[in-house]
Each structure stands twice: as C-alpha cells, then as structure tokens.
Amino acid sequence: MVKNANKFYNQPDIAILGMGGDGHTASLFPEADEINFALTTQKNIVSVTPKNAPYKRLSMSLSALENCNELFLSIATREKQLVFNEATKDLNPKFPISYILHSKKVMCNVYFSK
C-alpha cells in the first residue's frame, strides 16, 4: 500500500493540518513505532501505527509536509492551545507538530478558534 501511495504521490502546494491533544499532526503520532522514520525519511508517504487506534494509517512524512509551499494549522480548544504553546518552545519528539512549527523549510500559518 505505501509503495503504491509513494508511486502515485503528487506533491501538494499546500496542506491544511489539525493537531491532536497529544501534539500529533498528519497522523504523525508521538508514540507510534514509526515516528522516527516518518520524521527523517525522504519518502513522501509513510505507514504509521498509532498506539491509541486499532489500525494503521498512511501519512505524509515530515519531508513531504516541508516540501509544500505553505502549511495551515487550525487549533480549536484551550487544551490544544496549551500543547501548541509547549511545542513552540523547541523541537520535542513528544509533540510531532513541533517539527513543523520549527521548520526552516516551510511557512506554517496558525489559526486559533474558540
């Protein structure tokens, strides 16, 4: 499945992201066994197995996200805003979104709603 996804992958210009209360984004879950691979590979699509979901997911890798021209992140709750604030402090493997927020390769526009 991942091989076919990468074979037919077309790089998007933009990506619209959400963020979970655990700091995950684009199915890049902090406790997934594949997280280090997803954050370091040059492949565009990766398979990720979240610890809190009973099924594997396909996700864009950090590299693929950084190859977008621009990213948009929407955050909707106070709990997620607190996680976001922690993620803005430094790169933190506990919060995969921090790799997007500290990237020098892509602009990430952040929108908060209540």
PDB file of N, CA and C in Angstrom:
ATOM      1  N   MET A   1       0.817  -1.191   0.000  1.00  0.00           N
ATOM      2  CA  MET A   1       0.000   0.000   0.000  1.00  0.00           C
ATOM      3  C   MET A   1       0.866   1.263   0.000  1.00  0.00           C
ATOM      4  N   VAL A   2       1.870   1.331   0.873  1.00  0.00           N
ATOM      5  CA  VAL A   2       2.742   2.505   0.957  1.00  0.00           C
ATOM      6  C   VAL A   2       3.533   2.677  -0.337  1.00  0.00           C
ATOM      7  N   LYS A   3       3.985   1.570  -0.895  1.00  0.00           N
ATOM      8  CA  LYS A   3       4.748   1.636  -2.141  1.00  0.00           C
ATOM      9  C   LYS A   3       3.907   2.264  -3.250  1.00  0.00           C
ATOM     10  N   ASN A   4       2.658   1.846  -3.372  1.00  0.00           N
ATOM     11  CA  ASN A   4       1.770   2.438  -4.377  1.00  0.00           C
ATOM     12  C   ASN A   4       1.474   3.897  -4.075  1.00  0.00           C
ATOM     13  N   ALA A   5       1.268   4.222  -2.816  1.00  0.00           N
ATOM     14  CA  ALA A   5       0.990   5.617  -2.443  1.00  0.00           C
ATOM     15  C   ALA A   5       2.161   6.510  -2.842  1.00  0.00           C
ATOM     16  N   ASN A   6       3.382   6.046  -2.609  1.00  0.00           N
ATOM     17  CA  ASN A   6       4.553   6.835  -2.997  1.00  0.00           C
ATOM     18  C   ASN A   6       4.716   6.896  -4.511  1.00  0.00           C
ATOM     19  N   LYS A   7       4.374   5.803  -5.187  1.00  0.00           N
ATOM     20  CA  LYS A   7       4.491   5.757  -6.639  1.00  0.00           C
ATOM     21  C   LYS A   7       3.591   6.799  -7.302  1.00  0.00           C
ATOM     22  N   PHE A   8       2.391   6.987  -6.765  1.00  0.00           N
ATOM     23  CA  PHE A   8       1.422   7.891  -7.373  1.00  0.00           C
ATOM     24  C   PHE A   8       1.327   9.246  -6.670  1.00  0.00           C
ATOM     25  N   TYR A   9       2.242   9.510  -5.772  1.00  0.00           N
ATOM     26  CA  TYR A   9       2.215  10.753  -4.990  1.00  0.00           C
ATOM     27  C   TYR A   9       2.467  11.975  -5.872  1.00  0.00           C
ATOM     28  N   ASN A  10       1.654  12.987  -5.698  1.00  0.00           N
ATOM     29  CA  ASN A  10       1.856  14.298  -6.324  1.00  0.00           C
ATOM     30  C   ASN A  10       2.006  15.311  -5.196  1.00  0.00           C
ATOM     31  N   GLN A  11       3.103  16.027  -5.174  1.00  0.00           N
ATOM     32  CA  GLN A  11       3.373  16.991  -4.116  1.00  0.00           C
ATOM     33  C   GLN A  11       2.339  18.112  -4.137  1.00  0.00           C
ATOM     34  N   PRO A  12       1.586  18.302  -3.041  1.00  0.00           N
ATOM     35  CA  PRO A  12       0.643  19.420  -2.996  1.00  0.00           C
ATOM     36  C   PRO A  12       1.374  20.740  -2.737  1.00  0.00           C
ATOM     37  N   ASP A  13       0.751  21.824  -3.148  1.00  0.00           N
ATOM     38  CA  ASP A  13       1.295  23.152  -2.861  1.00  0.00           C
ATOM     39  C   ASP A  13       1.045  23.547  -1.413  1.00  0.00           C
ATOM     40  N   ILE A  14      -0.122  23.167  -0.894  1.00  0.00           N
ATOM     41  CA  ILE A  14      -0.466  23.497   0.483  1.00  0.00           C
ATOM     42  C   ILE A  14      -1.004  22.252   1.186  1.00  0.00           C
ATOM     43  N   ALA A  15      -0.959  22.279   2.497  1.00  0.00           N
ATOM     44  CA  ALA A  15      -1.593  21.240   3.312  1.00  0.00           C
ATOM     45  C   ALA A  15      -2.282  21.935   4.479  1.00  0.00           C
ATOM     46  N   ILE A  16      -3.482  21.489   4.771  1.00  0.00           N
ATOM     47  CA  ILE A  16      -4.245  22.011   5.896  1.00  0.00           C
ATOM     48  C   ILE A  16      -4.180  20.957   6.988  1.00  0.00           C
ATOM     49  N   LEU A  17      -3.628  21.335   8.121  1.00  0.00           N
ATOM     50  CA  LEU A  17      -3.369  20.407   9.215  1.00  0.00           C
ATOM     51  C   LEU A  17      -4.230  20.715  10.428  1.00  0.00           C
ATOM     52  N   GLY A  18      -4.489  19.687  11.174  1.00  0.00           N
ATOM     53  CA  GLY A  18      -5.046  19.815  12.513  1.00  0.00           C
ATOM     54  C   GLY A  18      -3.973  19.346  13.475  1.00  0.00           C
ATOM     55  N   MET A  19      -4.300  19.374  14.748  1.00  0.00           N
ATOM     56  CA  MET A  19      -3.366  18.898  15.757  1.00  0.00           C
ATOM     57  C   MET A  19      -4.159  18.229  16.868  1.00  0.00           C
ATOM     58  N   GLY A  20      -3.736  17.039  17.262  1.00  0.00           N
ATOM     59  CA  GLY A  20      -4.388  16.341  18.363  1.00  0.00           C
ATOM     60  C   GLY A  20      -3.888  16.839  19.700  1.00  0.00           C
ATOM     61  N   GLY A  21      -4.601  16.483  20.732  1.00  0.00           N
ATOM     62  CA  GLY A  21      -4.233  16.866  22.085  1.00  0.00           C
ATOM     63  C   GLY A  21      -2.907  16.284  22.537  1.00  0.00           C
ATOM     64  N   ASP A  22      -2.408  15.291  21.801  1.00  0.00           N
ATOM     65  CA  ASP A  22      -1.099  14.709  22.110  1.00  0.00           C
ATOM     66  C   ASP A  22       0.017  15.322  21.270  1.00  0.00           C
ATOM     67  N   GLY A  23      -0.315  16.356  20.479  1.00  0.00           N
ATOM     68  CA  GLY A  23       0.688  17.025  19.657  1.00  0.00           C
ATOM     69  C   GLY A  23       0.928  16.360  18.317  1.00  0.00           C
ATOM     70  N   HIS A  24       0.084  15.383  17.943  1.00  0.00           N
ATOM     71  CA  HIS A  24       0.268  14.752  16.634  1.00  0.00           C
ATOM     72  C   HIS A  24      -0.343  15.632  15.550  1.00  0.00           C
ATOM     73  N   THR A  25       0.163  15.469  14.351  1.00  0.00           N
ATOM     74  CA  THR A  25      -0.399  16.121  13.180  1.00  0.00           C
ATOM     75  C   THR A  25      -0.182  15.196  11.995  1.00  0.00           C
ATOM     76  N   ALA A  26      -1.092  15.222  11.041  1.00  0.00           N
ATOM     77  CA  ALA A  26      -0.982  14.416   9.815  1.00  0.00           C
ATOM     78  C   ALA A  26      -0.708  12.944  10.120  1.00  0.00           C
ATOM     79  N   SER A  27      -1.282  12.415  11.165  1.00  0.00           N
ATOM     80  CA  SER A  27      -1.067  11.024  11.616  1.00  0.00           C
ATOM     81  C   SER A  27       0.381  10.733  12.000  1.00  0.00           C
ATOM     82  N   LEU A  28       1.141  11.770  12.319  1.00  0.00           N
ATOM     83  CA  LEU A  28       2.481  11.595  12.877  1.00  0.00           C
ATOM     84  C   LEU A  28       2.321  11.586  14.399  1.00  0.00           C
ATOM     85  N   PHE A  29       2.072  10.390  14.931  1.00  0.00           N
ATOM     86  CA  PHE A  29       1.790  10.226  16.352  1.00  0.00           C
ATOM     87  C   PHE A  29       3.073  10.057  17.152  1.00  0.00           C
ATOM     88  N   PRO A  30       3.186  10.736  18.306  1.00  0.00           N
ATOM     89  CA  PRO A  30       4.437  10.713  19.070  1.00  0.00           C
ATOM     90  C   PRO A  30       4.843   9.329  19.559  1.00  0.00           C
ATOM     91  N   GLU A  31       3.886   8.449  19.830  1.00  0.00           N
ATOM     92  CA  GLU A  31       4.236   7.145  20.380  1.00  0.00           C
ATOM     93  C   GLU A  31       4.188   6.020  19.352  1.00  0.00           C
ATOM     94  N   ALA A  32       3.985   6.362  18.087  1.00  0.00           N
ATOM     95  CA  ALA A  32       3.981   5.338  17.037  1.00  0.00           C
ATOM     96  C   ALA A  32       5.391   4.785  16.856  1.00  0.00           C
ATOM     97  N   ASP A  33       5.484   3.502  16.615  1.00  0.00           N
ATOM     98  CA  ASP A  33       6.792   2.871  16.406  1.00  0.00           C
ATOM     99  C   ASP A  33       7.532   3.491  15.219  1.00  0.00           C
ATOM    100  N   GLU A  34       6.787   4.004  14.247  1.00  0.00           N
ATOM    101  CA  GLU A  34       7.387   4.516  13.015  1.00  0.00           C
ATOM    102  C   GLU A  34       7.698   6.016  13.053  1.00  0.00           C
ATOM    103  N   ILE A  35       7.529   6.672  14.185  1.00  0.00           N
ATOM    104  CA  ILE A  35       7.645   8.137  14.231  1.00  0.00           C
ATOM    105  C   ILE A  35       9.032   8.625  13.805  1.00  0.00           C
ATOM    106  N   ASN A  36      10.088   7.997  14.253  1.00  0.00           N
ATOM    107  CA  ASN A  36      11.430   8.465  13.871  1.00  0.00           C
ATOM    108  C   ASN A  36      11.642   8.347  12.373  1.00  0.00           C
ATOM    109  N   PHE A  37      11.176   7.251  11.782  1.00  0.00           N
ATOM    110  CA  PHE A  37      11.275   7.077  10.341  1.00  0.00           C
ATOM    111  C   PHE A  37      10.465   8.167   9.631  1.00  0.00           C
ATOM    112  N   ALA A  38       9.251   8.415  10.090  1.00  0.00           N
ATOM    113  CA  ALA A  38       8.377   9.412   9.467  1.00  0.00           C
ATOM    114  C   ALA A  38       8.968  10.821   9.536  1.00  0.00           C
ATOM    115  N   LEU A  39       9.750  11.096  10.571  1.00  0.00           N
ATOM    116  CA  LEU A  39      10.359  12.418  10.736  1.00  0.00           C
ATOM    117  C   LEU A  39      11.674  12.566   9.983  1.00  0.00           C
ATOM    118  N   THR A  40      12.268  11.458   9.543  1.00  0.00           N
ATOM    119  CA  THR A  40      13.600  11.548   8.925  1.00  0.00           C
ATOM    120  C   THR A  40      13.666  11.066   7.478  1.00  0.00           C
ATOM    121  N   THR A  41      12.702  10.301   7.028  1.00  0.00           N
ATOM    122  CA  THR A  41      12.760   9.753   5.668  1.00  0.00           C
ATOM    123  C   THR A  41      12.526  10.818   4.608  1.00  0.00           C
ATOM    124  N   GLN A  42      13.026  10.552   3.419  1.00  0.00           N
ATOM    125  CA  GLN A  42      12.739  11.409   2.270  1.00  0.00           C
ATOM    126  C   GLN A  42      11.554  10.871   1.467  1.00  0.00           C
ATOM    127  N   LYS A  43      11.018   9.720   1.873  1.00  0.00           N
ATOM    128  CA  LYS A  43       9.810   9.202   1.229  1.00  0.00           C
ATOM    129  C   LYS A  43       8.658  10.149   1.554  1.00  0.00           C
ATOM    130  N   ASN A  44       7.705  10.240   0.667  1.00  0.00           N
ATOM    131  CA  ASN A  44       6.597  11.173   0.862  1.00  0.00           C
ATOM    132  C   ASN A  44       5.487  10.629   1.745  1.00  0.00           C
ATOM    133  N   ILE A  45       5.164   9.366   1.569  1.00  0.00           N
ATOM    134  CA  ILE A  45       4.084   8.746   2.320  1.00  0.00           C
ATOM    135  C   ILE A  45       4.663   7.645   3.192  1.00  0.00           C
ATOM    136  N   VAL A  46       4.213   7.597   4.438  1.00  0.00           N
ATOM    137  CA  VAL A  46       4.686   6.592   5.391  1.00  0.00           C
ATOM    138  C   VAL A  46       3.487   5.900   6.025  1.00  0.00           C
ATOM    139  N   SER A  47       3.715   4.704   6.499  1.00  0.00           N
ATOM    140  CA  SER A  47       2.713   3.959   7.249  1.00  0.00           C
ATOM    141  C   SER A  47       2.979   4.200   8.732  1.00  0.00           C
ATOM    142  N   VAL A  48       1.920   4.509   9.468  1.00  0.00           N
ATOM    143  CA  VAL A  48       2.059   4.810  10.890  1.00  0.00           C
ATOM    144  C   VAL A  48       1.023   4.004  11.666  1.00  0.00           C
ATOM    145  N   THR A  49       1.455   3.428  12.783  1.00  0.00           N
ATOM    146  CA  THR A  49       0.553   2.671  13.641  1.00  0.00           C
ATOM    147  C   THR A  49       0.414   3.393  14.980  1.00  0.00           C
ATOM    148  N   PRO A  50      -0.662   4.161  15.155  1.00  0.00           N
ATOM    149  CA  PRO A  50      -0.857   4.850  16.433  1.00  0.00           C
ATOM    150  C   PRO A  50      -1.105   3.850  17.559  1.00  0.00           C
ATOM    151  N   LYS A  51      -0.634   4.148  18.736  1.00  0.00           N
ATOM    152  CA  LYS A  51      -0.861   3.271  19.890  1.00  0.00           C
ATOM    153  C   LYS A  51      -2.318   3.315  20.349  1.00  0.00           C
ATOM    154  N   ASN A  52      -3.001   4.434  20.063  1.00  0.00           N
ATOM    155  CA  ASN A  52      -4.371   4.600  20.559  1.00  0.00           C
ATOM    156  C   ASN A  52      -5.433   4.383  19.482  1.00  0.00           C
ATOM    157  N   ALA A  53      -5.074   3.748  18.371  1.00  0.00           N
ATOM    158  CA  ALA A  53      -6.040   3.430  17.317  1.00  0.00           C
ATOM    159  C   ALA A  53      -5.771   2.000  16.843  1.00  0.00           C
ATOM    160  N   PRO A  54      -6.816   1.268  16.505  1.00  0.00           N
ATOM    161  CA  PRO A  54      -6.643  -0.149  16.166  1.00  0.00           C
ATOM    162  C   PRO A  54      -6.235  -0.424  14.722  1.00  0.00           C
ATOM    163  N   TYR A  55      -5.785   0.579  13.998  1.00  0.00           N
ATOM    164  CA  TYR A  55      -5.458   0.368  12.594  1.00  0.00           C
ATOM    165  C   TYR A  55      -4.295   1.261  12.172  1.00  0.00           C
ATOM    166  N   LYS A  56      -3.608   0.819  11.123  1.00  0.00           N
ATOM    167  CA  LYS A  56      -2.522   1.610  10.551  1.00  0.00           C
ATOM    168  C   LYS A  56      -3.106   2.741   9.722  1.00  0.00           C
ATOM    169  N   ARG A  57      -2.304   3.778   9.546  1.00  0.00           N
ATOM    170  CA  ARG A  57      -2.698   4.928   8.738  1.00  0.00           C
ATOM    171  C   ARG A  57      -1.580   5.274   7.775  1.00  0.00           C
ATOM    172  N   LEU A  58      -1.948   5.900   6.683  1.00  0.00           N
ATOM    173  CA  LEU A  58      -0.962   6.499   5.797  1.00  0.00           C
ATOM    174  C   LEU A  58      -0.879   7.966   6.142  1.00  0.00           C
ATOM    175  N   SER A  59       0.318   8.505   6.092  1.00  0.00           N
ATOM    176  CA  SER A  59       0.532   9.905   6.419  1.00  0.00           C
ATOM    177  C   SER A  59       1.593  10.493   5.502  1.00  0.00           C
ATOM    178  N   MET A  60       1.515  11.781   5.290  1.00  0.00           N
ATOM    179  CA  MET A  60       2.644  12.468   4.672  1.00  0.00           C
ATOM    180  C   MET A  60       3.769  12.477   5.694  1.00  0.00           C
ATOM    181  N   SER A  61       4.981  12.314   5.235  1.00  0.00           N
ATOM    182  CA  SER A  61       6.150  12.399   6.113  1.00  0.00           C
ATOM    183  C   SER A  61       6.443  13.869   6.399  1.00  0.00           C
ATOM    184  N   LEU A  62       7.323  14.103   7.349  1.00  0.00           N
ATOM    185  CA  LEU A  62       7.757  15.470   7.624  1.00  0.00           C
ATOM    186  C   LEU A  62       8.361  16.085   6.367  1.00  0.00           C
ATOM    187  N   SER A  63       9.164  15.322   5.648  1.00  0.00           N
ATOM    188  CA  SER A  63       9.788  15.824   4.428  1.00  0.00           C
ATOM    189  C   SER A  63       8.737  16.268   3.412  1.00  0.00           C
ATOM    190  N   ALA A  64       7.706  15.467   3.209  1.00  0.00           N
ATOM    191  CA  ALA A  64       6.649  15.830   2.257  1.00  0.00           C
ATOM    192  C   ALA A  64       5.911  17.085   2.710  1.00  0.00           C
ATOM    193  N   LEU A  65       5.652  17.185   3.996  1.00  0.00           N
ATOM    194  CA  LEU A  65       4.994  18.391   4.515  1.00  0.00           C
ATOM    195  C   LEU A  65       5.877  19.617   4.315  1.00  0.00           C
ATOM    196  N   GLU A  66       7.171  19.460   4.538  1.00  0.00           N
ATOM    197  CA  GLU A  66       8.092  20.581   4.361  1.00  0.00           C
ATOM    198  C   GLU A  66       8.273  20.960   2.887  1.00  0.00           C
ATOM    199  N   ASN A  67       7.926  20.072   1.993  1.00  0.00           N
ATOM    200  CA  ASN A  67       8.022  20.378   0.566  1.00  0.00           C
ATOM    201  C   ASN A  67       6.796  21.114   0.028  1.00  0.00           C
ATOM    202  N   CYS A  68       5.793  21.296   0.860  1.00  0.00           N
ATOM    203  CA  CYS A  68       4.658  22.132   0.471  1.00  0.00           C
ATOM    204  C   CYS A  68       5.131  23.584   0.430  1.00  0.00           C
ATOM    205  N   ASN A  69       4.461  24.402  -0.339  1.00  0.00           N
ATOM    206  CA  ASN A  69       4.796  25.828  -0.363  1.00  0.00           C
ATOM    207  C   ASN A  69       4.379  26.515   0.929  1.00  0.00           C
ATOM    208  N   GLU A  70       3.285  26.015   1.507  1.00  0.00           N
ATOM    209  CA  GLU A  70       2.753  26.643   2.710  1.00  0.00           C
ATOM    210  C   GLU A  70       1.859  25.648   3.442  1.00  0.00           C
ATOM    211  N   LEU A  71       1.864  25.735   4.772  1.00  0.00           N
ATOM    212  CA  LEU A  71       1.010  24.903   5.606  1.00  0.00           C
ATOM    213  C   LEU A  71       0.057  25.787   6.402  1.00  0.00           C
ATOM    214  N   PHE A  72      -1.102  25.223   6.714  1.00  0.00           N
ATOM    215  CA  PHE A  72      -2.092  25.907   7.533  1.00  0.00           C
ATOM    216  C   PHE A  72      -2.460  24.965   8.668  1.00  0.00           C
ATOM    217  N   LEU A  73      -2.385  25.472   9.891  1.00  0.00           N
ATOM    218  CA  LEU A  73      -2.698  24.687  11.081  1.00  0.00           C
ATOM    219  C   LEU A  73      -3.864  25.333  11.802  1.00  0.00           C
ATOM    220  N   SER A  74      -4.889  24.540  12.075  1.00  0.00           N
ATOM    221  CA  SER A  74      -6.066  25.021  12.800  1.00  0.00           C
ATOM    222  C   SER A  74      -6.108  24.367  14.174  1.00  0.00           C
ATOM    223  N   ILE A  75      -6.256  25.181  15.199  1.00  0.00           N
ATOM    224  CA  ILE A  75      -6.325  24.697  16.583  1.00  0.00           C
ATOM    225  C   ILE A  75      -7.606  25.244  17.201  1.00  0.00           C
ATOM    226  N   ALA A  76      -8.377  24.357  17.859  1.00  0.00           N
ATOM    227  CA  ALA A  76      -9.718  24.767  18.259  1.00  0.00           C
ATOM    228  C   ALA A  76     -10.025  24.741  19.756  1.00  0.00           C
ATOM    229  N   THR A  77      -9.186  24.195  20.597  1.00  0.00           N
ATOM    230  CA  THR A  77      -9.543  24.128  22.016  1.00  0.00           C
ATOM    231  C   THR A  77      -8.426  24.689  22.886  1.00  0.00           C
ATOM    232  N   ARG A  78      -8.774  25.031  24.087  1.00  0.00           N
ATOM    233  CA  ARG A  78      -7.794  25.541  25.062  1.00  0.00           C
ATOM    234  C   ARG A  78      -6.728  24.475  25.343  1.00  0.00           C
ATOM    235  N   GLU A  79      -7.159  23.223  25.476  1.00  0.00           N
ATOM    236  CA  GLU A  79      -6.223  22.115  25.718  1.00  0.00           C
ATOM    237  C   GLU A  79      -5.181  22.039  24.599  1.00  0.00           C
ATOM    238  N   LYS A  80      -5.635  22.153  23.359  1.00  0.00           N
ATOM    239  CA  LYS A  80      -4.702  22.091  22.235  1.00  0.00           C
ATOM    240  C   LYS A  80      -3.822  23.333  22.172  1.00  0.00           C
ATOM    241  N   GLN A  81      -4.344  24.469  22.602  1.00  0.00           N
ATOM    242  CA  GLN A  81      -3.525  25.678  22.629  1.00  0.00           C
ATOM    243  C   GLN A  81      -2.375  25.508  23.620  1.00  0.00           C
ATOM    244  N   LEU A  82      -2.614  24.847  24.735  1.00  0.00           N
ATOM    245  CA  LEU A  82      -1.550  24.599  25.714  1.00  0.00           C
ATOM    246  C   LEU A  82      -0.482  23.667  25.133  1.00  0.00           C
ATOM    247  N   VAL A  83      -0.915  22.642  24.409  1.00  0.00           N
ATOM    248  CA  VAL A  83       0.035  21.740  23.749  1.00  0.00           C
ATOM    249  C   VAL A  83       0.824  22.512  22.698  1.00  0.00           C
ATOM    250  N   PHE A  84       0.130  23.337  21.920  1.00  0.00           N
ATOM    251  CA  PHE A  84       0.777  24.177  20.915  1.00  0.00           C
ATOM    252  C   PHE A  84       1.852  25.057  21.561  1.00  0.00           C
ATOM    253  N   ASN A  85       1.520  25.683  22.688  1.00  0.00           N
ATOM    254  CA  ASN A  85       2.478  26.549  23.384  1.00  0.00           C
ATOM    255  C   ASN A  85       3.731  25.781  23.781  1.00  0.00           C
ATOM    256  N   GLU A  86       3.572  24.550  24.251  1.00  0.00           N
ATOM    257  CA  GLU A  86       4.731  23.718  24.591  1.00  0.00           C
ATOM    258  C   GLU A  86       5.545  23.385  23.341  1.00  0.00           C
ATOM    259  N   ALA A  87       4.841  23.089  22.250  1.00  0.00           N
ATOM    260  CA  ALA A  87       5.517  22.706  21.005  1.00  0.00           C
ATOM    261  C   ALA A  87       6.294  23.861  20.391  1.00  0.00           C
ATOM    262  N   THR A  88       5.905  25.090  20.686  1.00  0.00           N
ATOM    263  CA  THR A  88       6.611  26.242  20.118  1.00  0.00           C
ATOM    264  C   THR A  88       7.937  26.511  20.830  1.00  0.00           C
ATOM    265  N   LYS A  89       8.147  25.916  21.987  1.00  0.00           N
ATOM    266  CA  LYS A  89       9.357  26.188  22.762  1.00  0.00           C
ATOM    267  C   LYS A  89      10.610  25.615  22.108  1.00  0.00           C
ATOM    268  N   ASP A  90      10.507  24.407  21.546  1.00  0.00           N
ATOM    269  CA  ASP A  90      11.674  23.746  20.963  1.00  0.00           C
ATOM    270  C   ASP A  90      11.216  22.486  20.249  1.00  0.00           C
ATOM    271  N   LEU A  91      12.098  21.886  19.454  1.00  0.00           N
ATOM    272  CA  LEU A  91      11.789  20.579  18.875  1.00  0.00           C
ATOM    273  C   LEU A  91      11.597  19.593  20.011  1.00  0.00           C
ATOM    274  N   ASN A  92      10.504  18.848  19.948  1.00  0.00           N
ATOM    275  CA  ASN A  92      10.202  17.925  21.030  1.00  0.00           C
ATOM    276  C   ASN A  92       9.548  16.680  20.442  1.00  0.00           C
ATOM    277  N   PRO A  93      10.197  15.519  20.544  1.00  0.00           N
ATOM    278  CA  PRO A  93       9.619  14.302  19.984  1.00  0.00           C
ATOM    279  C   PRO A  93       8.269  13.936  20.601  1.00  0.00           C
ATOM    280  N   LYS A  94       7.960  14.471  21.777  1.00  0.00           N
ATOM    281  CA  LYS A  94       6.643  14.238  22.384  1.00  0.00           C
ATOM    282  C   LYS A  94       5.545  14.972  21.625  1.00  0.00           C
ATOM    283  N   PHE A  95       5.925  15.994  20.854  1.00  0.00           N
ATOM    284  CA  PHE A  95       4.973  16.801  20.096  1.00  0.00           C
ATOM    285  C   PHE A  95       5.439  16.887  18.646  1.00  0.00           C
ATOM    286  N   PRO A  96       5.060  15.935  17.795  1.00  0.00           N
ATOM    287  CA  PRO A  96       5.495  15.984  16.395  1.00  0.00           C
ATOM    288  C   PRO A  96       5.186  17.305  15.693  1.00  0.00           C
ATOM    289  N   ILE A  97       4.136  18.004  16.104  1.00  0.00           N
ATOM    290  CA  ILE A  97       3.824  19.296  15.493  1.00  0.00           C
ATOM    291  C   ILE A  97       4.985  20.275  15.673  1.00  0.00           C
ATOM    292  N   SER A  98       5.820  20.075  16.682  1.00  0.00           N
ATOM    293  CA  SER A  98       6.945  20.984  16.910  1.00  0.00           C
ATOM    294  C   SER A  98       7.916  20.977  15.726  1.00  0.00           C
ATOM    295  N   TYR A  99       8.003  19.865  15.005  1.00  0.00           N
ATOM    296  CA  TYR A  99       8.899  19.791  13.851  1.00  0.00           C
ATOM    297  C   TYR A  99       8.404  20.672  12.712  1.00  0.00           C
ATOM    298  N   ILE A 100       7.111  20.837  12.609  1.00  0.00           N
ATOM    299  CA  ILE A 100       6.526  21.755  11.619  1.00  0.00           C
ATOM    300  C   ILE A 100       6.720  23.191  12.082  1.00  0.00           C
ATOM    301  N   LEU A 101       6.431  23.450  13.340  1.00  0.00           N
ATOM    302  CA  LEU A 101       6.488  24.817  13.866  1.00  0.00           C
ATOM    303  C   LEU A 101       7.904  25.386  13.864  1.00  0.00           C
ATOM    304  N   HIS A 102       8.912  24.521  13.944  1.00  0.00           N
ATOM    305  CA  HIS A 102      10.303  24.980  13.968  1.00  0.00           C
ATOM    306  C   HIS A 102      11.024  24.762  12.639  1.00  0.00           C
ATOM    307  N   SER A 103      10.291  24.357  11.637  1.00  0.00           N
ATOM    308  CA  SER A 103      10.901  24.093  10.333  1.00  0.00           C
ATOM    309  C   SER A 103      11.378  25.388   9.690  1.00  0.00           C
ATOM    310  N   LYS A 104      12.536  25.324   9.088  1.00  0.00           N
ATOM    311  CA  LYS A 104      13.076  26.452   8.308  1.00  0.00           C
ATOM    312  C   LYS A 104      12.743  26.276   6.827  1.00  0.00           C
ATOM    313  N   LYS A 105      12.039  25.185   6.482  1.00  0.00           N
ATOM    314  CA  LYS A 105      11.782  24.849   5.086  1.00  0.00           C
ATOM    315  C   LYS A 105      10.392  25.235   4.597  1.00  0.00           C
ATOM    316  N   VAL A 106       9.465  25.483   5.512  1.00  0.00           N
ATOM    317  CA  VAL A 106       8.088  25.769   5.098  1.00  0.00           C
ATOM    318  C   VAL A 106       7.442  26.735   6.090  1.00  0.00           C
ATOM    319  N   MET A 107       6.593  27.599   5.554  1.00  0.00           N
ATOM    320  CA  MET A 107       5.832  28.538   6.386  1.00  0.00           C
ATOM    321  C   MET A 107       4.578  27.833   6.884  1.00  0.00           C
ATOM    322  N   CYS A 108       4.305  27.938   8.176  1.00  0.00           N
ATOM    323  CA  CYS A 108       3.102  27.362   8.763  1.00  0.00           C
ATOM    324  C   CYS A 108       2.269  28.490   9.359  1.00  0.00           C
ATOM    325  N   ASN A 109       1.102  28.702   8.773  1.00  0.00           N
ATOM    326  CA  ASN A 109       0.146  29.700   9.266  1.00  0.00           C
ATOM    327  C   ASN A 109      -0.729  29.027  10.310  1.00  0.00           C
ATOM    328  N   VAL A 110      -0.866  29.654  11.468  1.00  0.00           N
ATOM    329  CA  VAL A 110      -1.615  29.044  12.576  1.00  0.00           C
ATOM    330  C   VAL A 110      -2.868  29.856  12.841  1.00  0.00           C
ATOM    331  N   TYR A 111      -3.993  29.147  12.962  1.00  0.00           N
ATOM    332  CA  TYR A 111      -5.276  29.786  13.230  1.00  0.00           C
ATOM    333  C   TYR A 111      -5.876  29.166  14.484  1.00  0.00           C
ATOM    334  N   PHE A 112      -6.247  30.014  15.430  1.00  0.00           N
ATOM    335  CA  PHE A 112      -6.895  29.580  16.656  1.00  0.00           C
ATOM    336  C   PHE A 112      -8.380  29.943  16.577  1.00  0.00           C
ATOM    337  N   SER A 113      -9.223  29.023  16.990  1.00  0.00           N
ATOM    338  CA  SER A 113     -10.650  29.333  17.105  1.00  0.00           C
ATOM    339  C   SER A 113     -11.137  28.833  18.442  1.00  0.00           C
ATOM    340  N   LYS A 114     -12.178  29.442  18.924  1.00  0.00           N
ATOM    341  CA  LYS A 114     -12.695  29.073  20.248  1.00  0.00           C
ATOM    342  C   LYS A 114     -13.993  28.327  20.133  1.00  0.00           C
TER     343      LYS A 114
END
